[in-house]
Protein backbone atom coordinates (compact mmCIF):
# COMPACT_ATOMS: atom_id res chain seq x y z
CA MET A 1 91.42 76.48 87.07
CA LYS A 2 89.77 79.91 86.18
CA ALA A 3 87.79 81.09 87.92
CA ILE A 4 85.57 84.57 89.66
CA ILE A 5 83.08 85.26 91.95
CA VAL A 6 81.23 88.85 92.34
CA HIS A 7 79.15 90.63 95.29
CA GLY A 8 76.52 93.55 94.27
CA GLY A 9 76.19 94.68 98.09
CA ALA A 10 74.95 93.12 101.20
CA GLY A 11 71.71 94.59 103.38
CA ASP A 12 67.63 95.29 102.44
CA ALA A 13 67.07 95.86 98.67
CA LYS A 14 64.47 98.13 99.47
CA LYS A 15 63.42 98.68 95.53
CA LEU A 16 62.04 95.15 94.67
CA ASN A 17 61.44 95.85 91.48
CA GLU A 18 65.18 96.46 90.71
CA ILE A 19 65.94 93.05 92.18
CA SER A 20 65.88 91.07 88.97
CA VAL A 21 68.07 93.59 87.65
CA ARG A 22 70.87 93.64 90.14
CA VAL A 23 71.15 90.01 89.68
CA GLN A 24 71.51 90.45 85.86
CA VAL A 25 74.22 93.10 86.24
CA VAL A 26 76.43 90.95 88.48
CA LYS A 27 76.01 87.93 86.01
CA GLU A 28 77.02 90.45 83.58
CA ALA A 29 80.06 91.44 85.52
CA SER A 30 80.74 87.68 86.59
CA LEU A 31 80.90 86.93 82.96
CA GLU A 32 82.83 89.84 82.62
CA GLY A 33 85.33 88.66 84.37
CA TYR A 34 85.49 85.46 83.00
CA GLY A 35 85.74 86.27 79.09
CA VAL A 36 89.23 88.18 80.70
CA LEU A 37 90.65 84.90 81.88
CA LYS A 38 89.24 82.61 79.49
CA ASP A 39 91.50 84.98 77.15
CA GLY A 40 94.55 84.47 78.83
CA GLY A 41 93.71 88.19 80.91
CA SER A 42 95.04 88.07 84.53
CA ALA A 43 93.63 87.32 87.97
CA THR A 44 94.06 91.32 88.29
CA ASP A 45 92.36 91.93 84.60
CA ALA A 46 89.61 90.14 84.87
CA ALA A 47 88.91 91.36 88.97
CA VAL A 48 89.09 95.01 87.79
CA ALA A 49 86.42 94.25 84.24
CA ALA A 50 84.34 92.91 86.89
CA VAL A 51 83.63 95.42 89.19
CA LYS A 52 84.15 97.85 86.62
CA ILE A 53 80.69 96.90 84.59
CA LEU A 54 79.16 97.75 88.60
CA GLU A 55 80.71 100.68 88.89
CA ASP A 56 79.68 101.93 85.34
CA ASN A 57 75.97 100.40 86.68
CA PRO A 58 73.88 103.09 88.69
CA LEU A 59 71.83 100.50 90.63
CA PHE A 60 75.17 100.09 92.49
CA ASP A 61 76.81 101.72 95.15
CA ALA A 62 80.38 102.15 93.58
CA GLY A 63 81.51 104.43 90.72
CA LYS A 64 77.82 106.24 88.70
CA GLY A 65 76.01 104.87 91.66
CA SER A 66 78.11 106.37 94.46
CA TYR A 67 75.94 108.02 97.39
CA LEU A 68 76.72 110.94 98.59
CA ASN A 69 77.83 112.87 101.40
CA GLU A 70 75.78 115.38 104.04
CA GLU A 71 76.78 117.81 101.89
CA GLY A 72 75.81 116.22 98.37
CA GLU A 73 79.09 115.02 97.06
CA VAL A 74 80.43 111.99 95.86
CA GLU A 75 83.67 110.54 98.17
CA MET A 76 84.83 107.20 96.50
CA ASP A 77 87.06 104.57 98.12
CA ALA A 78 88.67 101.57 96.25
CA ALA A 79 90.86 99.13 96.59
CA VAL A 80 93.06 95.70 94.62
CA MET A 81 95.27 92.95 95.99
CA ASN A 82 97.34 90.67 94.57
CA GLY A 83 97.49 87.43 96.46
CA ASN A 84 101.18 86.22 94.76
CA ASN A 85 103.00 89.11 96.54
CA LEU A 86 100.51 90.60 99.04
CA SER A 87 101.11 94.15 97.16
CA ILE A 88 97.87 96.20 97.75
CA GLY A 89 96.63 99.57 96.19
CA ALA A 90 94.46 101.86 98.11
CA ILE A 91 92.29 105.29 97.70
CA ALA A 92 89.79 107.02 99.63
CA GLY A 93 87.93 110.18 99.27
CA ILE A 94 88.09 110.62 95.57
CA HIS A 95 85.56 113.17 93.51
CA LYS A 96 86.06 112.79 89.64
CA VAL A 97 87.41 109.84 89.12
CA LYS A 98 85.05 107.62 86.78
CA ASN A 99 86.05 104.26 88.28
CA PRO A 100 88.18 104.26 91.29
CA VAL A 101 89.00 100.91 90.88
CA GLU A 102 91.47 101.16 88.06
CA LEU A 103 93.22 103.66 90.49
CA ALA A 104 93.29 101.50 93.02
CA ARG A 105 95.19 99.21 90.43
CA VAL A 106 97.64 102.21 89.13
CA VAL A 107 98.52 102.51 93.00
CA MET A 108 99.37 99.17 93.56
CA GLU A 109 101.33 98.79 90.02
CA LYS A 110 102.51 102.31 90.04
CA SER A 111 103.48 103.53 93.58
CA PRO A 112 105.77 102.99 96.38
CA HIS A 113 102.88 103.64 98.64
CA ASN A 114 99.93 100.87 99.62
CA PHE A 115 97.44 103.89 99.82
CA LEU A 116 96.31 107.50 98.60
CA ILE A 117 93.53 110.04 99.21
CA GLY A 118 91.63 112.31 98.28
CA ARG A 119 93.81 114.81 95.49
CA GLY A 120 96.59 113.32 95.74
CA ALA A 121 95.41 110.27 95.20
CA GLU A 122 93.86 111.96 91.67
CA GLU A 123 96.76 113.98 90.78
CA PHE A 124 98.84 110.45 90.76
CA GLY A 125 95.91 108.87 88.50
CA LYS A 126 96.56 111.89 86.28
CA GLN A 127 100.05 110.43 85.28
CA PHE A 128 98.61 107.23 84.40
CA GLY A 129 95.88 108.57 82.17
CA ILE A 130 93.13 107.69 84.65
CA GLU A 131 89.87 109.00 83.49
CA PHE A 132 87.97 111.18 85.32
CA ALA A 133 83.80 112.42 84.51
CA PRO A 134 82.54 115.25 85.62
CA LEU A 135 80.85 116.06 88.46
CA HIS A 136 77.18 115.70 87.49
CA TYR A 137 78.06 111.89 85.57
CA PHE A 138 77.72 110.83 89.22
CA PHE A 139 74.51 112.74 89.91
CA THR A 140 71.84 110.27 88.73
CA GLU A 141 68.30 110.89 88.89
CA ARG A 142 67.74 107.62 91.08
CA LEU A 143 70.81 108.91 93.35
CA ILE A 144 68.75 111.85 94.64
CA GLN A 145 65.59 110.17 94.51
CA ILE A 146 66.97 107.79 97.31
CA TRP A 147 69.20 110.58 99.75
CA GLU A 148 67.80 109.31 102.45
CA GLY A 149 66.90 105.88 101.11
CA ARG A 150 69.35 102.49 101.70
CA TYR A 151 69.24 100.36 98.31
CA GLY A 152 73.13 99.46 97.04
CA ASP A 153 76.19 98.73 98.92
CA THR A 154 80.00 98.03 98.01
CA VAL A 155 80.64 96.34 94.61
CA GLY A 156 83.64 93.85 94.65
CA ALA A 157 85.14 90.66 92.82
CA ILE A 158 87.76 87.77 93.37
CA ALA A 159 89.49 86.37 90.52
CA LEU A 160 92.07 83.21 89.97
CA ASP A 161 93.76 82.39 86.57
CA GLU A 162 95.48 79.72 85.66
CA SER A 163 98.35 80.70 87.28
CA GLY A 164 97.26 80.50 90.31
CA LEU A 165 97.26 83.98 91.28
CA ILE A 166 94.03 85.51 93.17
CA THR A 167 93.11 89.23 92.98
CA ALA A 168 90.40 90.80 95.17
CA ALA A 169 88.99 94.15 94.17
CA VAL A 170 86.23 96.34 95.67
CA SER A 171 84.99 99.83 95.03
CA THR A 172 82.38 102.20 97.07
CA GLY A 173 80.75 105.41 97.43
CA GLY A 174 80.19 104.49 100.96
CA THR A 175 76.87 104.90 103.19
CA GLN A 176 74.26 107.63 102.53
CA ASN A 177 74.16 111.14 104.08
CA LYS A 178 78.24 110.21 105.49
CA HIS A 179 79.83 112.80 107.31
CA VAL A 180 82.32 114.32 104.94
CA GLY A 181 85.67 112.60 105.19
CA ARG A 182 84.31 109.26 106.39
CA VAL A 183 85.80 106.02 105.10
CA GLY A 184 84.95 102.75 105.57
CA ASP A 185 85.83 99.08 105.34
CA SER A 186 86.48 98.70 101.56
CA PRO A 187 89.71 100.32 101.38
CA LEU A 188 91.32 98.89 104.40
CA VAL A 189 93.28 95.57 103.79
CA GLY A 190 92.10 93.02 105.90
CA SER A 191 88.22 94.87 106.44
CA GLY A 192 87.10 95.01 103.29
CA PHE A 193 89.32 92.96 101.52
CA TYR A 194 91.97 90.24 101.50
CA ALA A 195 94.03 88.05 99.18
CA ASN A 196 97.12 85.70 99.48
CA ASP A 197 98.14 82.72 97.58
CA SER A 198 95.26 80.48 99.60
CA PHE A 199 92.20 82.33 99.02
CA GLY A 200 90.64 86.31 98.30
CA ALA A 201 87.57 87.87 100.23
CA VAL A 202 85.79 90.58 100.05
CA SER A 203 83.48 92.07 102.34
CA THR A 204 80.15 94.20 102.20
CA GLY A 205 77.88 95.83 104.67
CA ILE A 206 78.24 97.98 107.99
CA GLY A 207 81.83 98.98 107.31
CA GLU A 208 81.92 99.99 111.00
CA ASP A 209 80.93 96.68 111.88
CA ILE A 210 83.66 94.86 109.12
CA MET A 211 86.43 96.65 110.65
CA LYS A 212 85.68 95.17 114.44
CA VAL A 213 86.39 91.79 113.11
CA VAL A 214 88.31 92.36 110.45
CA LEU A 215 86.10 90.43 108.41
CA SER A 216 88.24 89.41 105.37
CA PHE A 217 91.49 89.00 107.12
CA ARG A 218 89.22 86.88 109.71
CA ILE A 219 88.09 83.86 107.22
CA SER A 220 92.21 83.37 107.61
CA LEU A 221 92.25 82.22 111.11
CA TYR A 222 89.98 79.48 110.29
CA PHE A 223 90.97 78.57 106.41
CA PRO A 224 92.75 75.70 105.72
CA THR A 225 91.74 74.34 108.82
CA HIS A 226 87.75 74.34 108.27
CA SER A 227 86.83 74.66 104.84
CA LEU A 228 86.85 77.63 102.94
CA GLU A 229 82.78 77.24 103.15
CA GLU A 230 82.65 76.88 106.48
CA SER A 231 85.19 79.48 107.29
CA VAL A 232 83.19 81.98 106.16
CA LYS A 233 80.34 80.36 108.60
CA LYS A 234 82.32 81.07 111.87
CA SER A 235 83.74 84.72 110.53
CA ILE A 236 79.89 85.73 109.98
CA ASP A 237 78.98 84.05 113.58
CA ASP A 238 81.11 86.41 114.77
CA LEU A 239 80.38 89.46 113.34
CA THR A 240 77.07 88.38 114.42
CA LYS A 241 78.65 88.06 118.18
CA VAL A 242 79.24 91.67 117.94
CA ASN A 243 76.06 92.70 116.54
CA GLY A 244 77.59 93.64 113.45
CA LYS A 245 75.35 93.52 109.90
CA ALA A 246 77.75 92.18 106.70
CA GLY A 247 78.32 89.47 104.22
CA VAL A 248 81.33 88.46 102.49
CA ILE A 249 82.26 86.40 99.86
CA ALA A 250 85.84 84.22 99.08
CA LEU A 251 87.29 82.40 96.61
CA ASP A 252 90.00 79.66 97.05
CA LYS A 253 93.09 78.62 95.21
CA ASN A 254 91.06 75.39 94.31
CA GLY A 255 88.33 77.64 92.96
CA ASN A 256 86.11 76.91 95.82
CA PHE A 257 83.55 79.76 96.15
CA ALA A 258 82.21 80.18 99.75
CA TYR A 259 79.77 83.01 100.92
CA GLY A 260 77.72 84.53 104.11
CA TYR A 261 75.68 86.85 105.20
CA ASN A 262 73.39 87.52 108.21
CA THR A 263 71.43 90.23 106.20
CA LYS A 264 68.35 89.97 104.52
CA GLY A 265 70.64 89.30 101.12
CA MET A 266 73.70 89.57 98.88
CA PHE A 267 73.67 90.06 95.48
CA ARG A 268 76.28 87.72 94.43
CA ALA A 269 77.67 85.89 91.25
CA TYR A 270 79.93 83.18 90.19
CA ILE A 271 81.76 81.11 87.77
CA LYS A 272 84.22 78.39 87.02
CA ASP A 273 85.66 76.32 84.50
CA GLY A 274 83.02 73.68 84.00
CA MET A 275 80.27 75.61 84.27
CA LEU A 276 78.27 76.77 81.43
CA VAL A 277 76.34 79.93 83.07
CA PRO A 278 77.12 81.66 86.06
CA GLU A 279 75.16 81.62 89.17
CA ALA A 280 73.42 84.50 90.08
CA THR A 281 71.09 85.78 92.83
CA TYR A 282 70.61 87.60 95.93
């Protein structure tokens, strides 16, 4: 079974004219990842490829569209996790990497450490040919216009390949006008992402809330005693009890998708063997 699910953030899409465009982009991201799987690529290849599509689009809070902090700079976070061996690669406080998810993968596969931050992470990436971008690459007209707005969110993907490997990947620019040095849930294993040999999950929303309940890992408290769908619902219910706002996507080893959110919406798309086209919506 080959399958992939992606999200483009949960919350209130205040620019209504962008909704249909963003739905189309998450659809394209799912197709990109599924194409990698069909060509024999691994779940890791597919999840990273899907996230890169979203990082390269300025309509999402990751990569090129990353929100600016209080000093008008980008500080990006990302992570990748291999569900078979539980290897993790996480980065935080990145300023100039074009696709942070690629750097997270390099940390997972090449570093003896799980988590690198700031300049050290960037210097590590240079050893492996990670692509950098000038700072003006991130200063899009749209981003400057919404300096005090909130229109995007974390992006992520979970993929399942023919071998049964599940990989979760996540990337974010964090919250708008955030304090310098703030790190949210996205690069924190269990909160922003989690994967094992049974399921994978990626969360999106208010990071400080997600961390309170360790949302991505929390699904494992209910699954597989309950279905994946019911486990996601129970996890979101737990988040609601502490007045948290977020969403989460999940995928299990049998190719079952699940998602849940207590925000106004969540951009998502998914496709697996047997489906002719992805399901995509907000």
